[in-house]
Amino acid sequence: MIYHKTFPPAPALRSYVQSYILIGQADGEKKEHIEEAPPFPAGGLCFNYIREAPLFITHNSFAGEELPGHYVLSPSTERYKVHYQGDQFVLAVQFRLGKFYEFFGWPLHLFTNRIVGLADTEMRQPFQDLFEQIGEAGNISKRIGMLEDFLLRRLNHLPNISGRLDESLSLIARKRGNLRSGELAELNGLTPRHLRRLFDDFLGMPPQAFLRIYRFYQALSMLKTGGFDNLAGLALEIGYYDQAHFTRDFHEYTGLPPLKFAEHHGALAEKLAWRESGHVE
């Protein structure tokens, strides 16, 4: 069984880091376990410090590609599956929306729907050293401490460049995702081209793709809380033309219709964390 446990960042990092996530599987039977995930608009880092067998990911863009030992947690616009076998432990850091780009200066669209090892970045050696230290540490507290020390050393050199994105995300939150990219550009005083570049760099995808994913997570939140009378009303409230369009998008992102997905995924808190914290409410 695959389990996830989240840990909060240090106060100095809270405006950048959403959480640290320990993903683990101790499987004496050596069976393959598959975890399916919907699209995700945030970036991060992953360190697979215990791997009895390679991790594989399947995706519309590729099938059965092996994940390296340490890699970028890339944003995705499609659902994907991670295949676990044997004992596996991954420590991930998930950044808040837009903060990966601010932290490293790497436009996030370079990673979207791709597997990119940290060894293939310009920070290859620092990441390799960190990966080895995490693997040699005796417990999860020490591993998170090493990761935080690494991040804190970069903190004093970061420019604050996400102001325009924050304004856009606040508008999206106030409208509950119920607007189009042209309207968002106009309300934020930006040209459509400028808005597209802003979202590509900070979120890894164009505004319309992000809004579509946002509406999906808005629906997940309402399914979680029961804050709707019927699916047709839910669809209209979050900006769909009708229930059929909503159900089609939901099935594309999860492989299941809305109510069936809610029945099979009672614990939605982790999937919703990126939009329930910080900029997007």
C-alpha atoms as a PDB file:
ATOM      1  CA  MET A   1       0.000   0.000   0.000  1.00  0.00           C
ATOM      2  CA  ILE A   2       1.258   3.471  -0.893  1.00  0.00           C
ATOM      3  CA  TYR A   3       1.008   6.083   1.828  1.00  0.00           C
ATOM      4  CA  HIS A   4       1.516   9.849   1.831  1.00  0.00           C
ATOM      5  CA  LYS A   5       2.454  11.958   4.828  1.00  0.00           C
ATOM      6  CA  THR A   6       2.837  15.739   4.673  1.00  0.00           C
ATOM      7  CA  PHE A   7       5.074  17.981   6.767  1.00  0.00           C
ATOM      8  CA  PRO A   8       4.916  21.797   7.024  1.00  0.00           C
ATOM      9  CA  PRO A   9       7.877  23.964   5.998  1.00  0.00           C
ATOM     10  CA  ALA A  10       9.851  26.212   8.321  1.00  0.00           C
ATOM     11  CA  PRO A  11       8.283  29.678   8.838  1.00  0.00           C
ATOM     12  CA  ALA A  12      10.915  31.363   6.657  1.00  0.00           C
ATOM     13  CA  LEU A  13       9.926  29.148   3.710  1.00  0.00           C
ATOM     14  CA  ARG A  14       6.141  29.193   4.052  1.00  0.00           C
ATOM     15  CA  SER A  15       5.594  31.825   1.386  1.00  0.00           C
ATOM     16  CA  TYR A  16       7.420  29.574  -1.098  1.00  0.00           C
ATOM     17  CA  VAL A  17       6.913  25.968  -0.014  1.00  0.00           C
ATOM     18  CA  GLN A  18       3.490  24.353   0.286  1.00  0.00           C
ATOM     19  CA  SER A  19       4.671  21.210   2.069  1.00  0.00           C
ATOM     20  CA  TYR A  20       7.100  18.322   2.177  1.00  0.00           C
ATOM     21  CA  ILE A  21       5.564  14.985   1.257  1.00  0.00           C
ATOM     22  CA  LEU A  22       6.866  11.545   2.170  1.00  0.00           C
ATOM     23  CA  ILE A  23       5.598   8.917  -0.261  1.00  0.00           C
ATOM     24  CA  GLY A  24       6.327   5.395   0.856  1.00  0.00           C
ATOM     25  CA  GLN A  25       5.722   1.749   0.184  1.00  0.00           C
ATOM     26  CA  ALA A  26       7.156  -1.109   2.226  1.00  0.00           C
ATOM     27  CA  ASP A  27       5.986  -4.115   0.257  1.00  0.00           C
ATOM     28  CA  GLY A  28       7.178  -7.520   1.384  1.00  0.00           C
ATOM     29  CA  GLU A  29       5.154  -9.162  -1.396  1.00  0.00           C
ATOM     30  CA  LYS A  30       6.921  -7.177  -4.154  1.00  0.00           C
ATOM     31  CA  LYS A  31       3.645  -6.585  -5.996  1.00  0.00           C
ATOM     32  CA  GLU A  32       3.215  -3.642  -8.329  1.00  0.00           C
ATOM     33  CA  HIS A  33       0.990  -0.876  -7.006  1.00  0.00           C
ATOM     34  CA  ILE A  34      -0.289   1.841  -9.317  1.00  0.00           C
ATOM     35  CA  GLU A  35      -1.241   5.321  -8.171  1.00  0.00           C
ATOM     36  CA  GLU A  36      -3.248   7.462 -10.571  1.00  0.00           C
ATOM     37  CA  ALA A  37      -3.158  11.253 -10.289  1.00  0.00           C
ATOM     38  CA  PRO A  38      -5.149  14.029 -11.981  1.00  0.00           C
ATOM     39  CA  PRO A  39      -3.496  17.043 -13.662  1.00  0.00           C
ATOM     40  CA  PHE A  40      -1.494  19.228 -11.321  1.00  0.00           C
ATOM     41  CA  PRO A  41      -0.364  22.857 -11.809  1.00  0.00           C
ATOM     42  CA  ALA A  42       2.490  23.228  -9.282  1.00  0.00           C
ATOM     43  CA  GLY A  43       6.202  22.394  -9.410  1.00  0.00           C
ATOM     44  CA  GLY A  44       8.587  20.758  -6.967  1.00  0.00           C
ATOM     45  CA  LEU A  45      11.510  18.413  -6.376  1.00  0.00           C
ATOM     46  CA  CYS A  46      11.541  14.660  -5.698  1.00  0.00           C
ATOM     47  CA  PHE A  47      14.227  12.479  -4.116  1.00  0.00           C
ATOM     48  CA  ASN A  48      13.640   8.716  -4.395  1.00  0.00           C
ATOM     49  CA  TYR A  49      16.158   7.862  -1.669  1.00  0.00           C
ATOM     50  CA  ILE A  50      15.102   4.213  -1.244  1.00  0.00           C
ATOM     51  CA  ARG A  51      14.233   2.312  -4.427  1.00  0.00           C
ATOM     52  CA  GLU A  52      14.230  -1.449  -4.490  1.00  0.00           C
ATOM     53  CA  ALA A  53      13.089  -1.267  -8.109  1.00  0.00           C
ATOM     54  CA  PRO A  54      12.767   1.611 -10.590  1.00  0.00           C
ATOM     55  CA  LEU A  55       9.700   3.825 -10.496  1.00  0.00           C
ATOM     56  CA  PHE A  56       7.834   4.136 -13.770  1.00  0.00           C
ATOM     57  CA  ILE A  57       5.322   6.691 -14.978  1.00  0.00           C
ATOM     58  CA  THR A  58       2.732   6.263 -17.714  1.00  0.00           C
ATOM     59  CA  HIS A  59       1.162   9.250 -19.337  1.00  0.00           C
ATOM     60  CA  ASN A  60      -0.543  10.239 -22.572  1.00  0.00           C
ATOM     61  CA  SER A  61       2.787  11.715 -23.686  1.00  0.00           C
ATOM     62  CA  PHE A  62       4.845   8.623 -22.882  1.00  0.00           C
ATOM     63  CA  ALA A  63       4.373   5.090 -21.600  1.00  0.00           C
ATOM     64  CA  GLY A  64       6.455   3.247 -19.068  1.00  0.00           C
ATOM     65  CA  GLU A  65       9.249   5.797 -18.718  1.00  0.00           C
ATOM     66  CA  GLU A  66      11.595   5.304 -15.761  1.00  0.00           C
ATOM     67  CA  LEU A  67      11.906   8.093 -13.206  1.00  0.00           C
ATOM     68  CA  PRO A  68      15.484   8.987 -12.209  1.00  0.00           C
ATOM     69  CA  GLY A  69      16.588   8.943  -8.579  1.00  0.00           C
ATOM     70  CA  HIS A  70      15.998  12.674  -8.184  1.00  0.00           C
ATOM     71  CA  TYR A  71      13.870  14.730 -10.520  1.00  0.00           C
ATOM     72  CA  VAL A  72      11.629  17.737 -11.001  1.00  0.00           C
ATOM     73  CA  LEU A  73       8.062  17.325  -9.798  1.00  0.00           C
ATOM     74  CA  SER A  74       6.644  18.641 -13.054  1.00  0.00           C
ATOM     75  CA  PRO A  75       3.267  20.276 -13.619  1.00  0.00           C
ATOM     76  CA  SER A  76       0.914  18.196 -15.729  1.00  0.00           C
ATOM     77  CA  THR A  77      -2.076  18.971 -17.896  1.00  0.00           C
ATOM     78  CA  GLU A  78      -3.069  15.293 -18.187  1.00  0.00           C
ATOM     79  CA  ARG A  79      -3.722  12.511 -15.720  1.00  0.00           C
ATOM     80  CA  TYR A  80      -0.876  10.077 -15.184  1.00  0.00           C
ATOM     81  CA  LYS A  81       0.012   6.884 -13.308  1.00  0.00           C
ATOM     82  CA  VAL A  82       3.052   6.079 -11.153  1.00  0.00           C
ATOM     83  CA  HIS A  83       4.010   2.408 -10.883  1.00  0.00           C
ATOM     84  CA  TYR A  84       5.579   1.326  -7.567  1.00  0.00           C
ATOM     85  CA  GLN A  85       7.211  -2.033  -6.939  1.00  0.00           C
ATOM     86  CA  GLY A  86       9.136  -3.201  -3.901  1.00  0.00           C
ATOM     87  CA  ASP A  87      10.246  -0.871  -1.112  1.00  0.00           C
ATOM     88  CA  GLN A  88      10.090   2.757  -2.224  1.00  0.00           C
ATOM     89  CA  PHE A  89      10.483   6.016  -0.339  1.00  0.00           C
ATOM     90  CA  VAL A  90      10.323   9.427  -1.988  1.00  0.00           C
ATOM     91  CA  LEU A  91      10.756  12.787  -0.282  1.00  0.00           C
ATOM     92  CA  ALA A  92       9.157  15.598  -2.284  1.00  0.00           C
ATOM     93  CA  VAL A  93       8.979  19.338  -1.807  1.00  0.00           C
ATOM     94  CA  GLN A  94       5.922  20.956  -3.363  1.00  0.00           C
ATOM     95  CA  PHE A  95       6.181  24.677  -4.054  1.00  0.00           C
ATOM     96  CA  ARG A  96       3.291  27.108  -3.901  1.00  0.00           C
ATOM     97  CA  LEU A  97       1.838  28.280  -7.183  1.00  0.00           C
ATOM     98  CA  GLY A  98       4.399  30.270  -9.148  1.00  0.00           C
ATOM     99  CA  LYS A  99       7.163  29.923  -6.557  1.00  0.00           C
ATOM    100  CA  PHE A 100       9.203  27.231  -8.298  1.00  0.00           C
ATOM    101  CA  TYR A 101      10.060  29.705 -11.053  1.00  0.00           C
ATOM    102  CA  GLU A 102      10.773  32.426  -8.520  1.00  0.00           C
ATOM    103  CA  PHE A 103      13.001  30.084  -6.521  1.00  0.00           C
ATOM    104  CA  PHE A 104      15.118  28.644  -9.336  1.00  0.00           C
ATOM    105  CA  GLY A 105      14.552  30.965 -12.300  1.00  0.00           C
ATOM    106  CA  TRP A 106      13.564  28.052 -14.551  1.00  0.00           C
ATOM    107  CA  PRO A 107      10.415  28.693 -16.635  1.00  0.00           C
ATOM    108  CA  LEU A 108       8.025  25.968 -15.596  1.00  0.00           C
ATOM    109  CA  HIS A 109       6.774  25.259 -19.124  1.00  0.00           C
ATOM    110  CA  LEU A 110      10.165  23.635 -19.798  1.00  0.00           C
ATOM    111  CA  PHE A 111       9.103  20.800 -17.479  1.00  0.00           C
ATOM    112  CA  THR A 112       5.364  20.400 -18.115  1.00  0.00           C
ATOM    113  CA  ASN A 113       4.342  16.815 -18.934  1.00  0.00           C
ATOM    114  CA  ARG A 114       8.010  15.839 -19.023  1.00  0.00           C
ATOM    115  CA  ILE A 115      10.414  13.818 -16.901  1.00  0.00           C
ATOM    116  CA  VAL A 116      13.471  15.930 -16.110  1.00  0.00           C
ATOM    117  CA  GLY A 117      16.175  14.637 -13.790  1.00  0.00           C
ATOM    118  CA  LEU A 118      17.827  17.130 -11.477  1.00  0.00           C
ATOM    119  CA  ALA A 119      21.112  15.827 -12.870  1.00  0.00           C
ATOM    120  CA  ASP A 120      20.098  17.430 -16.174  1.00  0.00           C
ATOM    121  CA  THR A 121      19.816  20.923 -14.686  1.00  0.00           C
ATOM    122  CA  GLU A 122      22.488  23.565 -14.209  1.00  0.00           C
ATOM    123  CA  MET A 123      22.523  22.665 -10.479  1.00  0.00           C
ATOM    124  CA  ARG A 124      23.514  19.066 -11.096  1.00  0.00           C
ATOM    125  CA  GLN A 125      26.251  18.786  -8.457  1.00  0.00           C
ATOM    126  CA  PRO A 126      24.424  20.551  -5.580  1.00  0.00           C
ATOM    127  CA  PHE A 127      21.383  18.354  -6.174  1.00  0.00           C
ATOM    128  CA  GLN A 128      23.521  15.209  -6.362  1.00  0.00           C
ATOM    129  CA  ASP A 129      25.188  16.102  -3.056  1.00  0.00           C
ATOM    130  CA  LEU A 130      21.779  16.733  -1.468  1.00  0.00           C
ATOM    131  CA  PHE A 131      20.408  13.446  -2.830  1.00  0.00           C
ATOM    132  CA  GLU A 132      23.294  11.521  -1.286  1.00  0.00           C
ATOM    133  CA  GLN A 133      22.896  13.305   2.062  1.00  0.00           C
ATOM    134  CA  ILE A 134      19.154  12.551   2.153  1.00  0.00           C
ATOM    135  CA  GLY A 135      19.852   8.888   1.421  1.00  0.00           C
ATOM    136  CA  GLU A 136      22.421   8.633   4.207  1.00  0.00           C
ATOM    137  CA  ALA A 137      20.310  10.393   6.865  1.00  0.00           C
ATOM    138  CA  GLY A 138      18.909   8.246   9.644  1.00  0.00           C
ATOM    139  CA  ASN A 139      15.287   9.451   9.766  1.00  0.00           C
ATOM    140  CA  ILE A 140      12.726  11.643   8.040  1.00  0.00           C
ATOM    141  CA  SER A 141      13.310  14.616  10.371  1.00  0.00           C
ATOM    142  CA  LYS A 142      16.978  14.728   9.393  1.00  0.00           C
ATOM    143  CA  ARG A 143      16.102  14.337   5.716  1.00  0.00           C
ATOM    144  CA  ILE A 144      13.667  17.241   5.806  1.00  0.00           C
ATOM    145  CA  GLY A 145      16.216  19.288   7.778  1.00  0.00           C
ATOM    146  CA  MET A 146      18.823  18.769   5.054  1.00  0.00           C
ATOM    147  CA  LEU A 147      16.325  19.735   2.360  1.00  0.00           C
ATOM    148  CA  GLU A 148      15.298  22.851   4.279  1.00  0.00           C
ATOM    149  CA  ASP A 149      18.928  23.896   4.822  1.00  0.00           C
ATOM    150  CA  PHE A 150      19.467  23.597   1.067  1.00  0.00           C
ATOM    151  CA  LEU A 151      16.423  25.779   0.324  1.00  0.00           C
ATOM    152  CA  LEU A 152      17.176  28.336   3.032  1.00  0.00           C
ATOM    153  CA  ARG A 153      20.639  28.958   1.577  1.00  0.00           C
ATOM    154  CA  ARG A 154      18.959  30.242  -1.603  1.00  0.00           C
ATOM    155  CA  LEU A 155      16.354  32.319   0.175  1.00  0.00           C
ATOM    156  CA  ASN A 156      18.292  35.566   0.573  1.00  0.00           C
ATOM    157  CA  HIS A 157      19.054  35.748  -3.151  1.00  0.00           C
ATOM    158  CA  LEU A 158      15.494  35.546  -4.465  1.00  0.00           C
ATOM    159  CA  PRO A 159      13.805  38.413  -6.307  1.00  0.00           C
ATOM    160  CA  ASN A 160      10.095  38.996  -5.755  1.00  0.00           C
ATOM    161  CA  ILE A 161       8.793  38.646  -9.308  1.00  0.00           C
ATOM    162  CA  SER A 162       5.409  36.989  -8.876  1.00  0.00           C
ATOM    163  CA  GLY A 163       3.276  40.081  -8.154  1.00  0.00           C
ATOM    164  CA  ARG A 164       1.350  40.037 -11.438  1.00  0.00           C
ATOM    165  CA  LEU A 165       0.708  36.314 -11.112  1.00  0.00           C
ATOM    166  CA  ASP A 166      -0.577  36.804  -7.557  1.00  0.00           C
ATOM    167  CA  GLU A 167      -3.054  39.391  -8.868  1.00  0.00           C
ATOM    168  CA  SER A 168      -4.270  36.957 -11.523  1.00  0.00           C
ATOM    169  CA  LEU A 169      -4.656  34.132  -9.011  1.00  0.00           C
ATOM    170  CA  SER A 170      -6.596  36.388  -6.660  1.00  0.00           C
ATOM    171  CA  LEU A 171      -8.975  37.268  -9.492  1.00  0.00           C
ATOM    172  CA  ILE A 172      -9.427  33.591 -10.301  1.00  0.00           C
ATOM    173  CA  ALA A 173     -10.174  32.842  -6.652  1.00  0.00           C
ATOM    174  CA  ARG A 174     -12.751  35.632  -6.388  1.00  0.00           C
ATOM    175  CA  LYS A 175     -14.481  34.375  -9.537  1.00  0.00           C
ATOM    176  CA  ARG A 176     -14.115  30.745  -8.356  1.00  0.00           C
ATOM    177  CA  GLY A 177     -12.539  29.943 -11.710  1.00  0.00           C
ATOM    178  CA  ASN A 178     -15.626  31.075 -13.584  1.00  0.00           C
ATOM    179  CA  LEU A 179     -14.013  33.298 -16.224  1.00  0.00           C
ATOM    180  CA  ARG A 180     -12.175  33.015 -19.528  1.00  0.00           C
ATOM    181  CA  SER A 181      -8.563  33.879 -20.266  1.00  0.00           C
ATOM    182  CA  GLY A 182      -9.486  36.990 -22.286  1.00  0.00           C
ATOM    183  CA  GLU A 183     -11.535  38.318 -19.390  1.00  0.00           C
ATOM    184  CA  LEU A 184      -8.713  37.533 -16.968  1.00  0.00           C
ATOM    185  CA  ALA A 185      -6.210  39.470 -19.115  1.00  0.00           C
ATOM    186  CA  GLU A 186      -8.526  42.475 -19.330  1.00  0.00           C
ATOM    187  CA  LEU A 187      -9.279  42.526 -15.593  1.00  0.00           C
ATOM    188  CA  ASN A 188      -5.572  42.297 -14.797  1.00  0.00           C
ATOM    189  CA  GLY A 189      -4.569  45.018 -17.258  1.00  0.00           C
ATOM    190  CA  LEU A 190      -2.505  42.656 -19.414  1.00  0.00           C
ATOM    191  CA  THR A 191      -2.490  41.773 -23.087  1.00  0.00           C
ATOM    192  CA  PRO A 192      -3.424  38.143 -23.870  1.00  0.00           C
ATOM    193  CA  ARG A 193       0.163  37.567 -25.022  1.00  0.00           C
ATOM    194  CA  HIS A 194       1.608  38.901 -21.753  1.00  0.00           C
ATOM    195  CA  LEU A 195      -0.823  36.803 -19.709  1.00  0.00           C
ATOM    196  CA  ARG A 196       0.127  33.694 -21.696  1.00  0.00           C
ATOM    197  CA  ARG A 197       3.837  34.287 -21.078  1.00  0.00           C
ATOM    198  CA  LEU A 198       3.198  34.896 -17.369  1.00  0.00           C
ATOM    199  CA  PHE A 199       1.289  31.627 -16.958  1.00  0.00           C
ATOM    200  CA  ASP A 200       3.738  29.625 -19.089  1.00  0.00           C
ATOM    201  CA  ASP A 201       6.703  30.783 -16.984  1.00  0.00           C
ATOM    202  CA  PHE A 202       5.147  30.588 -13.525  1.00  0.00           C
ATOM    203  CA  LEU A 203       2.580  27.779 -13.882  1.00  0.00           C
ATOM    204  CA  GLY A 204       3.849  25.785 -16.841  1.00  0.00           C
ATOM    205  CA  MET A 205       0.698  26.078 -18.920  1.00  0.00           C
ATOM    206  CA  PRO A 206      -1.456  28.649 -20.758  1.00  0.00           C
ATOM    207  CA  PRO A 207      -4.205  30.487 -18.837  1.00  0.00           C
ATOM    208  CA  GLN A 208      -7.055  28.505 -20.394  1.00  0.00           C
ATOM    209  CA  ALA A 209      -5.474  25.187 -19.413  1.00  0.00           C
ATOM    210  CA  PHE A 210      -4.923  26.414 -15.864  1.00  0.00           C
ATOM    211  CA  LEU A 211      -8.508  27.694 -15.594  1.00  0.00           C
ATOM    212  CA  ARG A 212      -9.826  24.353 -16.795  1.00  0.00           C
ATOM    213  CA  ILE A 213      -7.776  22.505 -14.174  1.00  0.00           C
ATOM    214  CA  TYR A 214      -8.791  25.045 -11.541  1.00  0.00           C
ATOM    215  CA  ARG A 215     -12.467  24.398 -12.255  1.00  0.00           C
ATOM    216  CA  PHE A 216     -11.815  20.674 -11.923  1.00  0.00           C
ATOM    217  CA  TYR A 217     -10.315  21.178  -8.457  1.00  0.00           C
ATOM    218  CA  GLN A 218     -13.139  23.541  -7.577  1.00  0.00           C
ATOM    219  CA  ALA A 219     -15.483  20.663  -8.385  1.00  0.00           C
ATOM    220  CA  LEU A 220     -13.394  18.299  -6.243  1.00  0.00           C
ATOM    221  CA  SER A 221     -13.709  20.711  -3.325  1.00  0.00           C
ATOM    222  CA  MET A 222     -17.485  20.858  -3.702  1.00  0.00           C
ATOM    223  CA  LEU A 223     -17.699  17.068  -4.001  1.00  0.00           C
ATOM    224  CA  LYS A 224     -15.625  16.803  -0.834  1.00  0.00           C
ATOM    225  CA  THR A 225     -17.844  19.132   1.192  1.00  0.00           C
ATOM    226  CA  GLY A 226     -21.170  18.271  -0.402  1.00  0.00           C
ATOM    227  CA  GLY A 227     -21.636  21.950  -1.280  1.00  0.00           C
ATOM    228  CA  PHE A 228     -24.000  21.395  -4.234  1.00  0.00           C
ATOM    229  CA  ASP A 229     -27.590  20.303  -4.870  1.00  0.00           C
ATOM    230  CA  ASN A 230     -27.009  18.368  -8.086  1.00  0.00           C
ATOM    231  CA  LEU A 231     -24.317  17.919 -10.730  1.00  0.00           C
ATOM    232  CA  ALA A 232     -26.037  20.213 -13.223  1.00  0.00           C
ATOM    233  CA  GLY A 233     -26.051  23.059 -10.700  1.00  0.00           C
ATOM    234  CA  LEU A 234     -22.429  22.359  -9.726  1.00  0.00           C
ATOM    235  CA  ALA A 235     -21.354  22.462 -13.377  1.00  0.00           C
ATOM    236  CA  LEU A 236     -23.045  25.823 -14.003  1.00  0.00           C
ATOM    237  CA  GLU A 237     -21.668  27.338 -10.786  1.00  0.00           C
ATOM    238  CA  ILE A 238     -18.056  26.667 -11.729  1.00  0.00           C
ATOM    239  CA  GLY A 239     -18.407  27.930 -15.292  1.00  0.00           C
ATOM    240  CA  TYR A 240     -19.401  24.990 -17.483  1.00  0.00           C
ATOM    241  CA  TYR A 241     -22.057  25.363 -20.142  1.00  0.00           C
ATOM    242  CA  ASP A 242     -23.804  22.224 -18.971  1.00  0.00           C
ATOM    243  CA  GLN A 243     -23.396  19.002 -17.037  1.00  0.00           C
ATOM    244  CA  ALA A 244     -22.235  17.083 -20.111  1.00  0.00           C
ATOM    245  CA  HIS A 245     -19.173  19.327 -20.608  1.00  0.00           C
ATOM    246  CA  PHE A 246     -18.341  19.077 -16.912  1.00  0.00           C
ATOM    247  CA  THR A 247     -18.645  15.280 -16.854  1.00  0.00           C
ATOM    248  CA  ARG A 248     -16.487  14.991 -19.985  1.00  0.00           C
ATOM    249  CA  ASP A 249     -13.675  17.065 -18.451  1.00  0.00           C
ATOM    250  CA  PHE A 250     -13.914  15.214 -15.148  1.00  0.00           C
ATOM    251  CA  HIS A 251     -13.702  11.852 -16.862  1.00  0.00           C
ATOM    252  CA  GLU A 252     -10.707  13.013 -18.902  1.00  0.00           C
ATOM    253  CA  TYR A 253      -8.848  14.029 -15.733  1.00  0.00           C
ATOM    254  CA  THR A 254      -9.767  11.050 -13.542  1.00  0.00           C
ATOM    255  CA  GLY A 255     -11.074   8.235 -15.745  1.00  0.00           C
ATOM    256  CA  LEU A 256     -14.290   8.238 -13.710  1.00  0.00           C
ATOM    257  CA  PRO A 257     -17.543  10.227 -13.597  1.00  0.00           C
ATOM    258  CA  PRO A 258     -17.733  12.784 -10.731  1.00  0.00           C
ATOM    259  CA  LEU A 259     -19.793  10.901  -8.162  1.00  0.00           C
ATOM    260  CA  LYS A 260     -17.973   7.624  -8.769  1.00  0.00           C
ATOM    261  CA  PHE A 261     -14.625   9.369  -8.282  1.00  0.00           C
ATOM    262  CA  ALA A 262     -15.822  10.906  -5.002  1.00  0.00           C
ATOM    263  CA  GLU A 263     -16.875   7.465  -3.756  1.00  0.00           C
ATOM    264  CA  HIS A 264     -13.424   6.003  -4.501  1.00  0.00           C
ATOM    265  CA  HIS A 265     -11.378   8.950  -3.239  1.00  0.00           C
ATOM    266  CA  GLY A 266     -12.766   9.904   0.135  1.00  0.00           C
ATOM    267  CA  ALA A 267      -9.532  11.571   1.262  1.00  0.00           C
ATOM    268  CA  LEU A 268      -9.190  14.466  -1.166  1.00  0.00           C
ATOM    269  CA  ALA A 269      -7.309  16.840   1.152  1.00  0.00           C
ATOM    270  CA  GLU A 270      -3.858  16.338  -0.378  1.00  0.00           C
ATOM    271  CA  LYS A 271      -5.118  16.758  -3.942  1.00  0.00           C
ATOM    272  CA  LEU A 272      -6.797  20.015  -2.940  1.00  0.00           C
ATOM    273  CA  ALA A 273      -3.915  21.444  -0.897  1.00  0.00           C
ATOM    274  CA  TRP A 274      -2.395  23.552  -3.681  1.00  0.00           C
ATOM    275  CA  ARG A 275      -5.613  25.556  -4.160  1.00  0.00           C
ATOM    276  CA  GLU A 276      -6.652  25.776  -0.504  1.00  0.00           C
ATOM    277  CA  SER A 277      -3.462  27.537   0.547  1.00  0.00           C
ATOM    278  CA  GLY A 278      -1.914  30.877  -0.176  1.00  0.00           C
ATOM    279  CA  HIS A 279      -3.003  32.558  -3.361  1.00  0.00           C
ATOM    280  CA  VAL A 280      -5.895  30.424  -4.547  1.00  0.00           C
ATOM    281  CA  GLU A 281      -8.730  29.848  -2.093  1.00  0.00           C
END
